[in-house]
C-alpha atoms as a PDB file:
ATOM      1  CA  MET A   1      94.415 145.042  88.324  1.00  0.00           C
ATOM      2  CA  ASN A   2      91.823 142.760  89.601  1.00  0.00           C
ATOM      3  CA  ARG A   3      89.377 143.559  92.432  1.00  0.00           C
ATOM      4  CA  TRP A   4      86.843 141.317  94.150  1.00  0.00           C
ATOM      5  CA  THR A   5      83.404 142.023  96.020  1.00  0.00           C
ATOM      6  CA  THR A   6      82.916 141.239  99.602  1.00  0.00           C
ATOM      7  CA  GLY A   7      80.539 138.223  97.965  1.00  0.00           C
ATOM      8  CA  GLN A   8      83.271 137.015  95.438  1.00  0.00           C
ATOM      9  CA  VAL A   9      85.849 137.217  98.152  1.00  0.00           C
ATOM     10  CA  ALA A  10      83.428 134.980 100.666  1.00  0.00           C
ATOM     11  CA  LYS A  11      82.493 132.746  97.894  1.00  0.00           C
ATOM     12  CA  GLU A  12      86.094 131.872  96.970  1.00  0.00           C
ATOM     13  CA  ARG A  13      87.703 131.809 100.395  1.00  0.00           C
ATOM     14  CA  ASN A  14      84.756 129.804 101.677  1.00  0.00           C
ATOM     15  CA  ILE A  15      84.103 132.297 104.554  1.00  0.00           C
ATOM     16  CA  SER A  16      80.831 134.338 105.475  1.00  0.00           C
ATOM     17  CA  VAL A  17      80.087 137.645 104.367  1.00  0.00           C
ATOM     18  CA  ARG A  18      79.203 138.717 107.877  1.00  0.00           C
ATOM     19  CA  THR A  19      82.635 137.528 109.047  1.00  0.00           C
ATOM     20  CA  LEU A  20      84.404 139.966 106.495  1.00  0.00           C
ATOM     21  CA  ARG A  21      82.237 142.499 107.150  1.00  0.00           C
ATOM     22  CA  TYR A  22      83.023 142.152 110.834  1.00  0.00           C
ATOM     23  CA  TYR A  23      86.506 142.119 109.967  1.00  0.00           C
ATOM     24  CA  ASP A  24      86.229 145.644 108.351  1.00  0.00           C
ATOM     25  CA  GLN A  25      84.440 146.639 111.036  1.00  0.00           C
ATOM     26  CA  ILE A  26      87.129 146.035 113.596  1.00  0.00           C
ATOM     27  CA  SER A  27      89.761 147.375 110.943  1.00  0.00           C
ATOM     28  CA  LEU A  28      91.259 144.016 110.694  1.00  0.00           C
ATOM     29  CA  LEU A  29      90.929 143.477 106.961  1.00  0.00           C
ATOM     30  CA  THR A  30      89.412 146.498 105.064  1.00  0.00           C
ATOM     31  CA  PRO A  31      88.909 146.576 101.464  1.00  0.00           C
ATOM     32  CA  SER A  32      91.481 148.883  99.751  1.00  0.00           C
ATOM     33  CA  TYR A  33      89.617 150.151  96.976  1.00  0.00           C
ATOM     34  CA  LYS A  34      86.161 152.091  96.517  1.00  0.00           C
ATOM     35  CA  ASP A  35      84.551 152.951  93.627  1.00  0.00           C
ATOM     36  CA  GLU A  36      82.789 156.362  92.529  1.00  0.00           C
ATOM     37  CA  ASN A  37      79.601 154.769  93.906  1.00  0.00           C
ATOM     38  CA  GLY A  38      80.969 153.942  97.157  1.00  0.00           C
ATOM     39  CA  ARG A  39      80.948 150.295  96.569  1.00  0.00           C
ATOM     40  CA  ARG A  40      84.253 148.458  98.153  1.00  0.00           C
ATOM     41  CA  TYR A  41      86.731 145.933  96.384  1.00  0.00           C
ATOM     42  CA  TYR A  42      89.378 143.850  97.599  1.00  0.00           C
ATOM     43  CA  SER A  43      92.620 143.846  95.879  1.00  0.00           C
ATOM     44  CA  GLU A  44      95.040 141.168  95.609  1.00  0.00           C
ATOM     45  CA  GLU A  45      97.066 142.354  98.573  1.00  0.00           C
ATOM     46  CA  ASP A  46      93.715 142.620 100.377  1.00  0.00           C
ATOM     47  CA  LEU A  47      93.193 138.526  99.590  1.00  0.00           C
ATOM     48  CA  PHE A  48      96.747 137.807 100.729  1.00  0.00           C
ATOM     49  CA  LYS A  49      96.289 139.536 104.138  1.00  0.00           C
ATOM     50  CA  LEU A  50      93.116 137.411 104.365  1.00  0.00           C
ATOM     51  CA  GLU A  51      95.092 134.375 103.766  1.00  0.00           C
ATOM     52  CA  LYS A  52      97.568 135.249 106.606  1.00  0.00           C
ATOM     53  CA  ILE A  53      94.356 135.691 108.785  1.00  0.00           C
ATOM     54  CA  ILE A  54      93.086 132.687 108.008  1.00  0.00           C
ATOM     55  CA  ILE A  55      96.119 130.610 108.879  1.00  0.00           C
ATOM     56  CA  LEU A  56      96.820 132.512 112.378  1.00  0.00           C
ATOM     57  CA  LYS A  57      93.113 131.520 113.427  1.00  0.00           C
ATOM     58  CA  THR A  58      94.054 127.840 112.891  1.00  0.00           C
ATOM     59  CA  LEU A  59      96.968 128.528 115.615  1.00  0.00           C
ATOM     60  CA  SER A  60      94.081 129.580 118.052  1.00  0.00           C
ATOM     61  CA  LEU A  61      95.306 133.034 118.116  1.00  0.00           C
ATOM     62  CA  SER A  62      92.263 135.632 119.126  1.00  0.00           C
ATOM     63  CA  LEU A  63      91.784 138.391 116.372  1.00  0.00           C
ATOM     64  CA  GLU A  64      93.345 140.858 118.732  1.00  0.00           C
ATOM     65  CA  ASP A  65      96.416 138.786 118.695  1.00  0.00           C
ATOM     66  CA  ILE A  66      96.128 138.536 115.090  1.00  0.00           C
ATOM     67  CA  GLN A  67      95.801 141.993 114.332  1.00  0.00           C
ATOM     68  CA  TYR A  68      98.924 142.725 116.637  1.00  0.00           C
ATOM     69  CA  VAL A  69     101.084 140.649 114.971  1.00  0.00           C
ATOM     70  CA  LEU A  70      99.625 140.444 111.216  1.00  0.00           C
ATOM     71  CA  ASP A  71     102.067 143.240 109.935  1.00  0.00           C
ATOM     72  CA  LYS A  72     104.852 142.264 112.563  1.00  0.00           C
ATOM     73  CA  ILE A  73     105.856 138.355 110.983  1.00  0.00           C
ATOM     74  CA  SER A  74     106.398 137.578 107.759  1.00  0.00           C
ATOM     75  CA  TYR A  75     104.192 134.892 105.770  1.00  0.00           C
ATOM     76  CA  LYS A  76     107.188 132.459 105.635  1.00  0.00           C
ATOM     77  CA  GLN A  77     106.925 132.808 109.694  1.00  0.00           C
ATOM     78  CA  ILE A  78     103.089 132.136 109.789  1.00  0.00           C
ATOM     79  CA  LEU A  79     103.603 129.118 107.716  1.00  0.00           C
ATOM     80  CA  VAL A  80     106.239 127.815 109.901  1.00  0.00           C
ATOM     81  CA  SER A  81     103.955 128.423 112.849  1.00  0.00           C
ATOM     82  CA  HIS A  82     101.222 126.896 110.778  1.00  0.00           C
ATOM     83  CA  HIS A  83     103.409 123.510 109.976  1.00  0.00           C
ATOM     84  CA  ASN A  84     104.456 123.096 113.567  1.00  0.00           C
ATOM     85  CA  HIS A  85     100.702 123.416 114.804  1.00  0.00           C
ATOM     86  CA  LEU A  86     100.094 120.583 111.998  1.00  0.00           C
ATOM     87  CA  GLN A  87     102.657 118.040 113.383  1.00  0.00           C
ATOM     88  CA  GLU A  88     101.421 118.917 116.661  1.00  0.00           C
ATOM     89  CA  GLN A  89      98.096 117.741 115.429  1.00  0.00           C
ATOM     90  CA  LEU A  90      99.353 114.914 113.505  1.00  0.00           C
ATOM     91  CA  THR A  91     101.150 113.696 116.646  1.00  0.00           C
ATOM     92  CA  LYS A  92      98.067 113.621 118.625  1.00  0.00           C
ATOM     93  CA  LEU A  93      96.048 112.224 115.838  1.00  0.00           C
ATOM     94  CA  GLN A  94      98.611 109.206 115.546  1.00  0.00           C
ATOM     95  CA  ALA A  95      98.221 108.726 119.325  1.00  0.00           C
ATOM     96  CA  ASN A  96      94.418 108.867 119.068  1.00  0.00           C
ATOM     97  CA  ILE A  97      94.715 106.164 116.293  1.00  0.00           C
ATOM     98  CA  SER A  98      97.124 104.108 118.227  1.00  0.00           C
ATOM     99  CA  ASN A  99      94.912 103.794 121.148  1.00  0.00           C
ATOM    100  CA  THR A 100      91.743 103.017 119.137  1.00  0.00           C
ATOM    101  CA  VAL A 101      93.918 100.187 117.661  1.00  0.00           C
ATOM    102  CA  SER A 102      95.065  99.131 121.210  1.00  0.00           C
ATOM    103  CA  LEU A 103      91.217  99.063 122.371  1.00  0.00           C
ATOM    104  CA  ILE A 104      90.306  96.681 119.305  1.00  0.00           C
ATOM    105  CA  ASN A 105      93.156  94.466 120.125  1.00  0.00           C
ATOM    106  CA  MET A 106      92.204  94.312 123.739  1.00  0.00           C
ATOM    107  CA  LEU A 107      88.659  93.255 123.193  1.00  0.00           C
ATOM    108  CA  ASP A 108      89.707  90.721 120.814  1.00  0.00           C
ATOM    109  CA  ILE A 109      91.938  89.087 123.426  1.00  0.00           C
ATOM    110  CA  ASP A 110      89.422  89.371 126.216  1.00  0.00           C
ATOM    111  CA  GLU A 111      85.910  90.448 125.419  1.00  0.00           C
ATOM    112  CA  SER A 112      84.922  90.397 128.884  1.00  0.00           C
ATOM    113  CA  LEU A 113      87.306  93.634 129.895  1.00  0.00           C
ATOM    114  CA  SER A 114      85.381  96.273 131.617  1.00  0.00           C
ATOM    115  CA  TRP A 115      85.511  99.883 130.392  1.00  0.00           C
ATOM    116  CA  GLU A 116      87.646 101.115 133.340  1.00  0.00           C
ATOM    117  CA  GLN A 117      90.472  98.249 132.667  1.00  0.00           C
ATOM    118  CA  ILE A 118      90.460  99.281 128.931  1.00  0.00           C
ATOM    119  CA  SER A 119      90.359 103.035 129.659  1.00  0.00           C
ATOM    120  CA  TYR A 120      93.248 102.587 131.889  1.00  0.00           C
ATOM    121  CA  LEU A 121      95.015 100.603 129.374  1.00  0.00           C
ATOM    122  CA  VAL A 122      94.989 102.586 126.780  1.00  0.00           C
ATOM    123  CA  GLN A 123      95.512 105.857 128.716  1.00  0.00           C
ATOM    124  CA  ARG A 124      98.919 104.792 130.316  1.00  0.00           C
ATOM    125  CA  PRO A 125     101.653 107.143 130.220  1.00  0.00           C
ATOM    126  CA  GLN A 126     103.872 105.885 127.544  1.00  0.00           C
ATOM    127  CA  GLU A 127     106.864 105.526 129.778  1.00  0.00           C
ATOM    128  CA  SER A 128     104.807 103.294 132.241  1.00  0.00           C
ATOM    129  CA  SER A 129     103.938 101.072 129.296  1.00  0.00           C
ATOM    130  CA  SER A 130     107.766 100.765 128.095  1.00  0.00           C
ATOM    131  CA  LYS A 131     109.210  99.807 131.529  1.00  0.00           C
ATOM    132  CA  TRP A 132     109.588  96.428 130.737  1.00  0.00           C
ATOM    133  CA  ILE A 133     112.545  97.308 128.213  1.00  0.00           C
ATOM    134  CA  ASP A 134     114.654  98.341 131.168  1.00  0.00           C
ATOM    135  CA  TYR A 135     115.201  95.059 132.257  1.00  0.00           C
ATOM    136  CA  PHE A 136     117.425  94.690 129.088  1.00  0.00           C
ATOM    137  CA  GLU A 137     120.983  95.637 128.036  1.00  0.00           C
ATOM    138  CA  GLU A 138     121.266  98.297 125.785  1.00  0.00           C
ATOM    139  CA  ASP A 139     121.812  96.171 122.536  1.00  0.00           C
ATOM    140  CA  GLU A 140     119.313  94.081 123.562  1.00  0.00           C
ATOM    141  CA  ARG A 141     116.750  97.126 123.911  1.00  0.00           C
ATOM    142  CA  GLN A 142     117.586  98.594 120.737  1.00  0.00           C
ATOM    143  CA  PHE A 143     116.880  95.148 118.862  1.00  0.00           C
ATOM    144  CA  LEU A 144     113.368  94.649 120.931  1.00  0.00           C
ATOM    145  CA  LYS A 145     112.029  98.036 119.992  1.00  0.00           C
ATOM    146  CA  GLU A 146     112.418  97.021 116.400  1.00  0.00           C
ATOM    147  CA  VAL A 147     110.918  93.402 116.456  1.00  0.00           C
ATOM    148  CA  MET A 148     108.553  93.574 119.482  1.00  0.00           C
ATOM    149  CA  PRO A 149     104.668  93.957 118.414  1.00  0.00           C
ATOM    150  CA  SER A 150     102.418  95.917 120.716  1.00  0.00           C
ATOM    151  CA  LEU A 151      98.619  96.451 121.048  1.00  0.00           C
ATOM    152  CA  GLU A 152      98.879  99.887 118.986  1.00  0.00           C
ATOM    153  CA  GLY A 153     100.123  98.125 115.962  1.00  0.00           C
ATOM    154  CA  GLY A 154      98.149  96.653 113.110  1.00  0.00           C
ATOM    155  CA  ASP A 155     100.936  94.686 111.864  1.00  0.00           C
ATOM    156  CA  ARG A 156     100.337  90.779 110.951  1.00  0.00           C
ATOM    157  CA  SER A 157     102.575  89.627 113.342  1.00  0.00           C
ATOM    158  CA  THR A 158     100.350  91.785 116.186  1.00  0.00           C
ATOM    159  CA  GLN A 159      97.590  90.215 114.845  1.00  0.00           C
ATOM    160  CA  LYS A 160      98.708  86.784 115.049  1.00  0.00           C
ATOM    161  CA  TYR A 161      99.648  87.396 118.568  1.00  0.00           C
ATOM    162  CA  VAL A 162      96.123  88.751 119.407  1.00  0.00           C
ATOM    163  CA  SER A 163      94.648  85.748 117.602  1.00  0.00           C
ATOM    164  CA  LEU A 164      96.560  83.215 119.347  1.00  0.00           C
ATOM    165  CA  LEU A 165      95.616  84.449 122.992  1.00  0.00           C
ATOM    166  CA  ARG A 166      92.041  84.775 122.006  1.00  0.00           C
ATOM    167  CA  ARG A 167      92.341  80.818 120.930  1.00  0.00           C
ATOM    168  CA  ILE A 168      93.858  80.266 124.435  1.00  0.00           C
ATOM    169  CA  GLU A 169      91.183  82.045 126.109  1.00  0.00           C
ATOM    170  CA  LEU A 170      88.590  79.955 124.262  1.00  0.00           C
ATOM    171  CA  CYS A 171      90.359  77.086 125.366  1.00  0.00           C
ATOM    172  CA  ILE A 172      90.296  77.814 128.902  1.00  0.00           C
ATOM    173  CA  LYS A 173      86.748  78.993 128.797  1.00  0.00           C
ATOM    174  CA  HIS A 174      85.657  75.461 126.610  1.00  0.00           C
ATOM    175  CA  ARG A 175      87.969  73.515 129.628  1.00  0.00           C
ATOM    176  CA  ILE A 176      90.015  72.238 126.344  1.00  0.00           C
ATOM    177  CA  SER A 177      93.239  70.916 127.610  1.00  0.00           C
ATOM    178  CA  PRO A 178      96.851  72.223 126.903  1.00  0.00           C
ATOM    179  CA  GLU A 179      97.845  68.777 125.838  1.00  0.00           C
ATOM    180  CA  SER A 180      95.053  68.789 123.709  1.00  0.00           C
ATOM    181  CA  GLU A 181      95.215  68.583 119.614  1.00  0.00           C
ATOM    182  CA  GLU A 182      94.165  72.451 119.686  1.00  0.00           C
ATOM    183  CA  GLY A 183      96.717  72.979 122.580  1.00  0.00           C
ATOM    184  CA  ASN A 184      99.520  71.393 120.163  1.00  0.00           C
ATOM    185  CA  ARG A 185      98.411  73.645 117.279  1.00  0.00           C
ATOM    186  CA  ILE A 186      98.788  76.832 119.342  1.00  0.00           C
ATOM    187  CA  ALA A 187     102.216  75.545 120.839  1.00  0.00           C
ATOM    188  CA  SER A 188     103.440  75.305 117.005  1.00  0.00           C
ATOM    189  CA  GLU A 189     102.098  78.510 116.304  1.00  0.00           C
ATOM    190  CA  LEU A 190     103.373  80.423 119.194  1.00  0.00           C
ATOM    191  CA  MET A 191     106.929  78.792 118.900  1.00  0.00           C
ATOM    192  CA  ASP A 192     107.004  79.650 115.221  1.00  0.00           C
ATOM    193  CA  LEU A 193     106.157  83.293 115.903  1.00  0.00           C
ATOM    194  CA  SER A 194     108.406  83.677 118.639  1.00  0.00           C
ATOM    195  CA  ASN A 195     111.141  82.393 116.641  1.00  0.00           C
ATOM    196  CA  ASP A 196     110.298  84.636 113.663  1.00  0.00           C
ATOM    197  CA  THR A 197     110.199  87.795 116.511  1.00  0.00           C
ATOM    198  CA  PHE A 198     113.097  87.178 118.205  1.00  0.00           C
ATOM    199  CA  LYS A 199     115.019  85.856 114.950  1.00  0.00           C
ATOM    200  CA  GLY A 200     115.889  82.538 116.699  1.00  0.00           C
ATOM    201  CA  ASP A 201     117.712  83.982 119.633  1.00  0.00           C
ATOM    202  CA  GLU A 202     116.619  81.567 122.174  1.00  0.00           C
ATOM    203  CA  GLY A 203     118.343  83.051 125.230  1.00  0.00           C
ATOM    204  CA  LEU A 204     116.654  86.645 124.522  1.00  0.00           C
ATOM    205  CA  MET A 205     113.410  84.696 124.027  1.00  0.00           C
ATOM    206  CA  ASP A 206     113.685  82.758 127.374  1.00  0.00           C
ATOM    207  CA  LYS A 207     114.449  86.054 129.047  1.00  0.00           C
ATOM    208  CA  PHE A 208     111.436  88.023 127.832  1.00  0.00           C
ATOM    209  CA  TRP A 209     109.230  85.108 129.059  1.00  0.00           C
ATOM    210  CA  GLU A 210     110.565  85.334 132.244  1.00  0.00           C
ATOM    211  CA  ILE A 211     110.032  89.261 132.279  1.00  0.00           C
ATOM    212  CA  ARG A 212     106.505  88.871 130.721  1.00  0.00           C
ATOM    213  CA  ARG A 213     105.519  86.703 133.759  1.00  0.00           C
ATOM    214  CA  LYS A 214     106.197  89.401 136.413  1.00  0.00           C
ATOM    215  CA  PRO A 215     103.225  91.675 137.352  1.00  0.00           C
ATOM    216  CA  SER A 216     102.166  93.937 134.607  1.00  0.00           C
ATOM    217  CA  GLU A 217     102.657  96.958 137.422  1.00  0.00           C
ATOM    218  CA  GLU A 218     106.281  96.242 137.135  1.00  0.00           C
ATOM    219  CA  THR A 219     106.804  95.869 133.202  1.00  0.00           C
ATOM    220  CA  GLY A 220     104.277  97.917 131.842  1.00  0.00           C
ATOM    221  CA  LEU A 221     103.072  94.938 129.583  1.00  0.00           C
ATOM    222  CA  TYR A 222      99.424  94.146 128.509  1.00  0.00           C
ATOM    223  CA  PRO A 223      98.071  92.284 131.607  1.00  0.00           C
ATOM    224  CA  ILE A 224      97.780  88.350 130.901  1.00  0.00           C
ATOM    225  CA  SER A 225      96.059  86.277 133.236  1.00  0.00           C
ATOM    226  CA  GLU A 226      98.034  83.353 135.141  1.00  0.00           C
ATOM    227  CA  GLU A 227      95.575  80.813 133.410  1.00  0.00           C
ATOM    228  CA  VAL A 228      96.438  82.050 130.137  1.00  0.00           C
ATOM    229  CA  LEU A 229     100.245  81.808 131.021  1.00  0.00           C
ATOM    230  CA  GLU A 230      99.958  78.317 132.684  1.00  0.00           C
ATOM    231  CA  PHE A 231      98.389  77.157 129.382  1.00  0.00           C
ATOM    232  CA  ILE A 232     101.074  78.610 126.984  1.00  0.00           C
ATOM    233  CA  GLU A 233     104.004  76.989 129.332  1.00  0.00           C
ATOM    234  CA  ARG A 234     101.854  73.294 129.541  1.00  0.00           C
ATOM    235  CA  CYS A 235     101.140  73.404 125.837  1.00  0.00           C
ATOM    236  CA  ILE A 236     104.798  74.517 124.861  1.00  0.00           C
ATOM    237  CA  SER A 237     106.229  71.813 127.685  1.00  0.00           C
ATOM    238  CA  TYR A 238     104.057  69.098 126.202  1.00  0.00           C
ATOM    239  CA  GLN A 239     105.021  69.479 122.581  1.00  0.00           C
ATOM    240  CA  GLN A 240     108.565  69.714 123.566  1.00  0.00           C
ATOM    241  CA  SER A 241     108.523  66.364 125.741  1.00  0.00           C
ATOM    242  CA  ASN A 242     106.771  64.943 122.723  1.00  0.00           C
ATOM    243  CA  ASN A 243     109.411  66.249 120.211  1.00  0.00           C
ATOM    244  CA  LYS A 244     112.070  64.852 122.259  1.00  0.00           C
ATOM    245  CA  SER A 245     110.684  61.193 122.450  1.00  0.00           C
ATOM    246  CA  ARG A 246     110.430  60.827 118.771  1.00  0.00           C
END
């Protein structure tokens, strides 16, 4: 039969000798074997019990609660609880990652955003940031949920939209006209990207654009300034009129 000293257990399980002695002191985990010299050893069953204690600690249970439930639930139940705990942690981590990506994309669009604005946008409840979807029919909603880019997305489509909005901001800042060559390039890229996003459905594209012009408080969409919206309308209108005249 294999047996381990307190020091060996501490090293193998990455736990301090002091902690193991405390567990022994409160009778949470007591070495089950003692030799003729009084030296105590942990058995395989003791180590199995220690693993259960370590997992239960990750669930934020107090030592008193662990002592109470330790012999009352199976190892599988402990593992299931641990799995659920990890899933909750994963959900929180993914939300934090999404918020961080949103923050990066927001600053790419507008570097002048104040920390208060950024904090508000990132921390908006999910239901508030998705109100725009309620303007569409059920079949349209399902389609849009699958294809629409979002600030927390790191996909190429999202990055392209962010890049275009940033270029528009720069045009406005440097007083470059929507009817300029750069405005024409932006219009072409924006229309191509929109066609890809909406799969050529011009009716749905126009409907979304009308909703996009509503106040962000009503739609939950990322707020875009009137200057940017006007620039987009003018550069697209100019390009379309040029295409018709050819």
